[in-house]
Amino acid sequence: MTIFLMHPTDARAWPAMPQVVNRMCLFSVDAHGKLEPDLVRNYLANFITELVHPEQVKQRCWVKVEDDGLVSGHIVVDLANQNGLPYGSVAQFASDEGLGFPRDAGARLWEEIQGWVRDNGGAQMRIRARSRLHARAYRTYYGFKETPQVLMWKEL
């Protein structure tokens, strides 16, 4: 098993790309009930932009690949901005059942992600927990804090 940044100069990224795009699509349907084509389109644009203008990249993806080449986990992180304050936002974070991120590898991955966010002016990371169980894991293992905000929605 190996974890790496999907980068266009990394030869491992190209054969993994179809699986990564498929995972992003499946995640968005599972988490949001619909496909989010903008997420995939933005990711692919940022992937290619990395070759020419790496300073303009606002989204990256790290993957966990098993020894047989199966992509079994991924995390997509955006650089976002709220009122002039840049931060890192975890757009997607998933691992196949029974194939979780090993704790030491997960810790190194988070350090790499946070380093990228810091290098781009971010002073904070944000993640939306899909359940109380996820929130507890993010708090316990990764040091996230819950906010008092309540997300509300209404169908139109």
Foldseek 3Di string as FASTA:
>chain_A
DDKDWLAPVDPLNVVCVVVVLVVQQVQCCVLPVHGDVVVSVLAVVLRVVCVPPVLPRFKIKMFDADPVGHTFWMWMWGFDADPRATAIETPDTDGHPPGDDPLVNVVVVVVVVVVVSVVNRHDYYYYDQSDVVSVVCCCVRVNDDDDPDDDDDDDD
